[in-house]
Amino acid sequence: MTQGEDIEDSLEMLEGIRSDESIPRNIRKAAEEASGALRDESLDKVVKVSRALNSLESVIEEPNVPVHARTQIWSVASRLEAATNTG
């Protein structure tokens, strides 16, 4: 999978988190911030991914994250980390 595909897949998954009303608002906000970082054309790809990961890591350990959302967030984080490793 290419870097662009990893980022596009991550954006789709983040959109799913953002639109899921069963996920607490602060978690959806973090997904929105991560998505915004990935879409920011003024940033280098490594910076985009780093900012997105920081947004997600800020909420992943919160106790109010539903199990399905936590799984999605970890999946997004894995894809984004892969995107930085495929150059």
C-alpha atoms as a PDB file:
ATOM      1  CA  MET A   1       0.000   0.000   0.000  1.00  0.00           C
ATOM      2  CA  THR A   2       1.328   3.416  -0.894  1.00  0.00           C
ATOM      3  CA  GLN A   3       1.669   6.384   1.417  1.00  0.00           C
ATOM      4  CA  GLY A   4      -1.198   8.159  -0.312  1.00  0.00           C
ATOM      5  CA  GLU A   5      -3.464   5.129   0.026  1.00  0.00           C
ATOM      6  CA  ASP A   6      -2.646   4.841   3.743  1.00  0.00           C
ATOM      7  CA  ILE A   7      -3.561   8.477   4.255  1.00  0.00           C
ATOM      8  CA  GLU A   8      -6.758   8.220   2.185  1.00  0.00           C
ATOM      9  CA  ASP A   9      -7.834   5.093   4.076  1.00  0.00           C
ATOM     10  CA  SER A  10      -7.062   6.859   7.345  1.00  0.00           C
ATOM     11  CA  LEU A  11      -9.195   9.836   6.326  1.00  0.00           C
ATOM     12  CA  GLU A  12     -12.111   7.521   5.548  1.00  0.00           C
ATOM     13  CA  MET A  13     -11.772   5.785   8.906  1.00  0.00           C
ATOM     14  CA  LEU A  14     -11.535   9.118  10.718  1.00  0.00           C
ATOM     15  CA  GLU A  15     -14.714  10.251   8.972  1.00  0.00           C
ATOM     16  CA  GLY A  16     -16.435   7.141  10.289  1.00  0.00           C
ATOM     17  CA  ILE A  17     -15.349   8.019  13.823  1.00  0.00           C
ATOM     18  CA  ARG A  18     -16.412  11.646  13.401  1.00  0.00           C
ATOM     19  CA  SER A  19     -19.895  10.678  12.229  1.00  0.00           C
ATOM     20  CA  ASP A  20     -20.558   7.990  14.867  1.00  0.00           C
ATOM     21  CA  GLU A  21     -22.888   9.513  17.462  1.00  0.00           C
ATOM     22  CA  SER A  22     -22.139   6.664  19.911  1.00  0.00           C
ATOM     23  CA  ILE A  23     -18.589   7.995  20.291  1.00  0.00           C
ATOM     24  CA  PRO A  24     -18.082  10.774  22.864  1.00  0.00           C
ATOM     25  CA  ARG A  25     -17.708  14.290  21.527  1.00  0.00           C
ATOM     26  CA  ASN A  26     -14.086  14.727  22.635  1.00  0.00           C
ATOM     27  CA  ILE A  27     -13.068  11.605  20.722  1.00  0.00           C
ATOM     28  CA  ARG A  28     -14.896  12.773  17.589  1.00  0.00           C
ATOM     29  CA  LYS A  29     -13.190  16.166  17.976  1.00  0.00           C
ATOM     30  CA  ALA A  30      -9.775  14.483  18.092  1.00  0.00           C
ATOM     31  CA  ALA A  31     -10.672  12.575  14.910  1.00  0.00           C
ATOM     32  CA  GLU A  32     -11.703  15.851  13.296  1.00  0.00           C
ATOM     33  CA  GLU A  33      -8.398  17.477  14.309  1.00  0.00           C
ATOM     34  CA  ALA A  34      -6.457  14.501  12.945  1.00  0.00           C
ATOM     35  CA  SER A  35      -8.395  14.670   9.697  1.00  0.00           C
ATOM     36  CA  GLY A  36      -7.755  18.398   9.425  1.00  0.00           C
ATOM     37  CA  ALA A  37      -4.040  17.873   9.921  1.00  0.00           C
ATOM     38  CA  LEU A  38      -3.947  15.230   7.181  1.00  0.00           C
ATOM     39  CA  ARG A  39      -5.780  17.538   4.762  1.00  0.00           C
ATOM     40  CA  ASP A  40      -3.542  20.563   5.429  1.00  0.00           C
ATOM     41  CA  GLU A  41      -1.762  21.096   2.105  1.00  0.00           C
ATOM     42  CA  SER A  42       0.655  23.620   3.613  1.00  0.00           C
ATOM     43  CA  LEU A  43       2.374  20.912   5.672  1.00  0.00           C
ATOM     44  CA  ASP A  44       4.928  18.284   4.745  1.00  0.00           C
ATOM     45  CA  LYS A  45       3.496  14.732   4.832  1.00  0.00           C
ATOM     46  CA  VAL A  46       5.599  13.755   7.840  1.00  0.00           C
ATOM     47  CA  VAL A  47       4.336  16.784   9.775  1.00  0.00           C
ATOM     48  CA  LYS A  48       0.742  16.025   8.763  1.00  0.00           C
ATOM     49  CA  VAL A  49       1.010  12.467  10.028  1.00  0.00           C
ATOM     50  CA  SER A  50       2.767  13.546  13.220  1.00  0.00           C
ATOM     51  CA  ARG A  51       0.050  16.078  14.049  1.00  0.00           C
ATOM     52  CA  ALA A  52      -2.689  13.570  13.286  1.00  0.00           C
ATOM     53  CA  LEU A  53      -1.068  10.956  15.513  1.00  0.00           C
ATOM     54  CA  ASN A  54      -0.691  13.472  18.332  1.00  0.00           C
ATOM     55  CA  SER A  55      -4.406  14.284  18.140  1.00  0.00           C
ATOM     56  CA  LEU A  56      -5.344  10.623  18.312  1.00  0.00           C
ATOM     57  CA  GLU A  57      -2.861   9.739  21.043  1.00  0.00           C
ATOM     58  CA  SER A  58      -4.312  12.477  23.222  1.00  0.00           C
ATOM     59  CA  VAL A  59      -7.574  10.508  23.574  1.00  0.00           C
ATOM     60  CA  ILE A  60      -6.731   6.841  23.008  1.00  0.00           C
ATOM     61  CA  GLU A  61      -6.216   6.037  26.691  1.00  0.00           C
ATOM     62  CA  GLU A  62      -9.324   7.818  27.914  1.00  0.00           C
ATOM     63  CA  PRO A  63     -11.660   5.474  29.768  1.00  0.00           C
ATOM     64  CA  ASN A  64     -14.760   6.706  27.930  1.00  0.00           C
ATOM     65  CA  VAL A  65     -13.564   5.533  24.494  1.00  0.00           C
ATOM     66  CA  PRO A  66     -15.844   2.721  23.306  1.00  0.00           C
ATOM     67  CA  VAL A  67     -14.032  -0.482  22.381  1.00  0.00           C
ATOM     68  CA  HIS A  68     -14.982  -0.228  18.702  1.00  0.00           C
ATOM     69  CA  ALA A  69     -13.686   3.349  18.525  1.00  0.00           C
ATOM     70  CA  ARG A  70     -10.441   2.431  20.259  1.00  0.00           C
ATOM     71  CA  THR A  71      -9.919  -0.326  17.676  1.00  0.00           C
ATOM     72  CA  GLN A  72     -10.563   2.113  14.822  1.00  0.00           C
ATOM     73  CA  ILE A  73      -8.174   4.688  16.301  1.00  0.00           C
ATOM     74  CA  TRP A  74      -5.415   2.089  16.662  1.00  0.00           C
ATOM     75  CA  SER A  75      -6.010   1.001  13.074  1.00  0.00           C
ATOM     76  CA  VAL A  76      -5.726   4.590  11.845  1.00  0.00           C
ATOM     77  CA  ALA A  77      -2.549   5.085  13.887  1.00  0.00           C
ATOM     78  CA  SER A  78      -1.023   1.931  12.370  1.00  0.00           C
ATOM     79  CA  ARG A  79      -1.826   3.081   8.844  1.00  0.00           C
ATOM     80  CA  LEU A  80      -0.389   6.523   9.495  1.00  0.00           C
ATOM     81  CA  GLU A  81       2.790   5.063  10.953  1.00  0.00           C
ATOM     82  CA  ALA A  82       3.069   2.850   7.868  1.00  0.00           C
ATOM     83  CA  ALA A  83       2.626   5.928   5.679  1.00  0.00           C
ATOM     84  CA  THR A  84       5.669   7.569   7.259  1.00  0.00           C
ATOM     85  CA  ASN A  85       7.725   4.406   6.765  1.00  0.00           C
ATOM     86  CA  THR A  86       6.908   3.973   3.065  1.00  0.00           C
ATOM     87  CA  GLY A  87       8.213   7.422   2.197  1.00  0.00           C
END
